[in-house]
Amino acid sequence: MAVALKLSDELVDDAKATAAAEHRSVPRQIEYWARIGKAVLENPELPLRFIQDAMLGIEEAKAGKATPFEFK
């Protein structure tokens, strides 16, 4: 469900630069920041990099790009 929001020009300008560098659209960049912020607030004991890697792993698994870990 898409919802129209009013965002500050400063936030949108920041998102444009980061979105271009990370190959995302501006709305997707802002959505990514919101998801990261939500995850950080829900898991204050975890480092940001761990949260980012976990989110990446989830998306890779959804895309079928994950392989099972084998204990040796």
C-alpha atoms as a PDB file:
ATOM      1  CA  MET A   1       0.000   0.000   0.000  1.00  0.00           C
ATOM      2  CA  ALA A   2       1.560   3.286  -1.075  1.00  0.00           C
ATOM      3  CA  VAL A   3       1.025   6.385   1.041  1.00  0.00           C
ATOM      4  CA  ALA A   4       1.965   9.945   0.145  1.00  0.00           C
ATOM      5  CA  LEU A   5       4.103  11.667   2.767  1.00  0.00           C
ATOM      6  CA  LYS A   6       5.522  15.146   3.180  1.00  0.00           C
ATOM      7  CA  LEU A   7       9.259  14.941   3.769  1.00  0.00           C
ATOM      8  CA  SER A   8      11.756  17.705   4.337  1.00  0.00           C
ATOM      9  CA  ASP A   9      13.785  18.880   1.359  1.00  0.00           C
ATOM     10  CA  GLU A  10      16.937  18.145   3.356  1.00  0.00           C
ATOM     11  CA  LEU A  11      15.997  14.486   3.862  1.00  0.00           C
ATOM     12  CA  VAL A  12      15.112  14.056   0.193  1.00  0.00           C
ATOM     13  CA  ASP A  13      18.373  15.707  -0.911  1.00  0.00           C
ATOM     14  CA  ASP A  14      20.376  13.428   1.409  1.00  0.00           C
ATOM     15  CA  ALA A  15      18.483  10.416   0.085  1.00  0.00           C
ATOM     16  CA  LYS A  16      19.178  11.409  -3.545  1.00  0.00           C
ATOM     17  CA  ALA A  17      22.920  11.341  -3.032  1.00  0.00           C
ATOM     18  CA  THR A  18      22.930   8.087  -1.087  1.00  0.00           C
ATOM     19  CA  ALA A  19      20.389   6.444  -3.391  1.00  0.00           C
ATOM     20  CA  ALA A  20      22.546   7.183  -6.428  1.00  0.00           C
ATOM     21  CA  ALA A  21      25.621   5.737  -4.729  1.00  0.00           C
ATOM     22  CA  GLU A  22      23.762   2.603  -3.616  1.00  0.00           C
ATOM     23  CA  HIS A  23      21.764   2.112  -6.832  1.00  0.00           C
ATOM     24  CA  ARG A  24      18.352   2.646  -5.235  1.00  0.00           C
ATOM     25  CA  SER A  25      15.496   4.992  -6.000  1.00  0.00           C
ATOM     26  CA  VAL A  26      14.953   7.861  -3.567  1.00  0.00           C
ATOM     27  CA  PRO A  27      11.777   6.302  -2.107  1.00  0.00           C
ATOM     28  CA  ARG A  28      13.547   2.945  -1.701  1.00  0.00           C
ATOM     29  CA  GLN A  29      16.483   4.657   0.017  1.00  0.00           C
ATOM     30  CA  ILE A  30      14.201   6.350   2.528  1.00  0.00           C
ATOM     31  CA  GLU A  31      12.355   3.057   3.057  1.00  0.00           C
ATOM     32  CA  TYR A  32      15.700   1.321   3.675  1.00  0.00           C
ATOM     33  CA  TRP A  33      16.689   3.951   6.232  1.00  0.00           C
ATOM     34  CA  ALA A  34      13.334   3.514   7.975  1.00  0.00           C
ATOM     35  CA  ARG A  35      13.754  -0.268   8.128  1.00  0.00           C
ATOM     36  CA  ILE A  36      17.289   0.045   9.492  1.00  0.00           C
ATOM     37  CA  GLY A  37      16.146   2.572  12.094  1.00  0.00           C
ATOM     38  CA  LYS A  38      13.260   0.341  13.161  1.00  0.00           C
ATOM     39  CA  ALA A  39      15.557  -2.685  13.466  1.00  0.00           C
ATOM     40  CA  VAL A  40      18.091  -0.698  15.511  1.00  0.00           C
ATOM     41  CA  LEU A  41      15.395   0.542  17.890  1.00  0.00           C
ATOM     42  CA  GLU A  42      14.004  -2.989  18.291  1.00  0.00           C
ATOM     43  CA  ASN A  43      17.493  -4.458  18.883  1.00  0.00           C
ATOM     44  CA  PRO A  44      19.560  -1.863  20.771  1.00  0.00           C
ATOM     45  CA  GLU A  45      22.064  -4.493  21.920  1.00  0.00           C
ATOM     46  CA  LEU A  46      23.108  -5.407  18.365  1.00  0.00           C
ATOM     47  CA  PRO A  47      25.686  -3.497  16.299  1.00  0.00           C
ATOM     48  CA  LEU A  48      24.414  -1.727  13.193  1.00  0.00           C
ATOM     49  CA  ARG A  49      26.654  -3.793  10.880  1.00  0.00           C
ATOM     50  CA  PHE A  50      25.181  -7.033  12.304  1.00  0.00           C
ATOM     51  CA  ILE A  51      21.648  -5.764  11.635  1.00  0.00           C
ATOM     52  CA  GLN A  52      22.555  -4.720   8.084  1.00  0.00           C
ATOM     53  CA  ASP A  53      24.168  -8.100   7.386  1.00  0.00           C
ATOM     54  CA  ALA A  54      21.170  -9.945   8.818  1.00  0.00           C
ATOM     55  CA  MET A  55      18.788  -7.935   6.624  1.00  0.00           C
ATOM     56  CA  LEU A  56      20.958  -8.675   3.591  1.00  0.00           C
ATOM     57  CA  GLY A  57      20.979 -12.384   4.449  1.00  0.00           C
ATOM     58  CA  ILE A  58      17.191 -12.445   4.684  1.00  0.00           C
ATOM     59  CA  GLU A  59      16.843 -10.829   1.250  1.00  0.00           C
ATOM     60  CA  GLU A  60      19.431 -13.192  -0.259  1.00  0.00           C
ATOM     61  CA  ALA A  61      17.532 -16.189   1.163  1.00  0.00           C
ATOM     62  CA  LYS A  62      14.256 -14.872  -0.305  1.00  0.00           C
ATOM     63  CA  ALA A  63      15.987 -14.547  -3.688  1.00  0.00           C
ATOM     64  CA  GLY A  64      17.257 -18.130  -3.486  1.00  0.00           C
ATOM     65  CA  LYS A  65      20.892 -17.065  -3.215  1.00  0.00           C
ATOM     66  CA  ALA A  66      21.596 -18.605   0.189  1.00  0.00           C
ATOM     67  CA  THR A  67      23.360 -21.899   0.754  1.00  0.00           C
ATOM     68  CA  PRO A  68      23.076 -24.004   3.897  1.00  0.00           C
ATOM     69  CA  PHE A  69      25.987 -23.832   6.303  1.00  0.00           C
ATOM     70  CA  GLU A  70      27.712 -27.185   6.780  1.00  0.00           C
ATOM     71  CA  PHE A  71      29.452 -27.974  10.052  1.00  0.00           C
ATOM     72  CA  LYS A  72      32.629 -29.990   9.586  1.00  0.00           C
END
